[in-house]
Amino acid sequence: MNNKTSRVPVADSDSDRRIPSERRTNTFRALVHGSFTPRRRGSRRDGEQALAAVDWHHPQWLAVAMLTLLLCVADALLTLTLLQHGAYEANPLMEPLVHGSPLAFAIIKFALTAGGTVLLVLLAGARVFGRIRVSYLLYAVLLAYAVLVGYEFWLLGYLLDGAVDA
């Protein structure tokens, strides 16, 4: 038989057993399912540098992300406390929010930090500029928040000691 004439006939639409609905449209279900039954833990090929969608992230990134978000909340609370004791907001982007609603300030600050942290966790295996691993940026953000919160505690102690001496 000739290969050109021995093709398998295309199935009728009546005998097609595939599910007609698109299974990839339910994103939330896919995220939940992938969280509990991860399949892809890395890129498909060795040495692949492209951003790969993975189902599993190392637990250390959860710890780093949670610590970063806790320090973000501490930063927001300390900022509001310092403002009540006469300090001013040094960040020109957050300054208009601080003088508006304190709740809006805290929510926007947390949402921006959470969004950035999630993005960094998703890209933790990638490299920035082909050199620096994004995971190092996660550690840098955590360290920056730790230093900032430490500075705010020192500043609060300084302001409170000045108020007691006066």
Foldseek 3Di string as FASTA:
>chain_A
DDPVPPDDDDDDPVPDPDDPDDPPPPPVVVLVVLQVPWDFPDDPDPPDQDQDFGSDFDCVLVVLLVLLLVLLLLLLVLVLVVVVLPDADPDPVLRVVSVPDSVSSSVVSSVVSNVVSVVLRSQQQHADVRPHGSVVVSVVSSVVSVVSSVVSVVVVVVSVVVVVVD
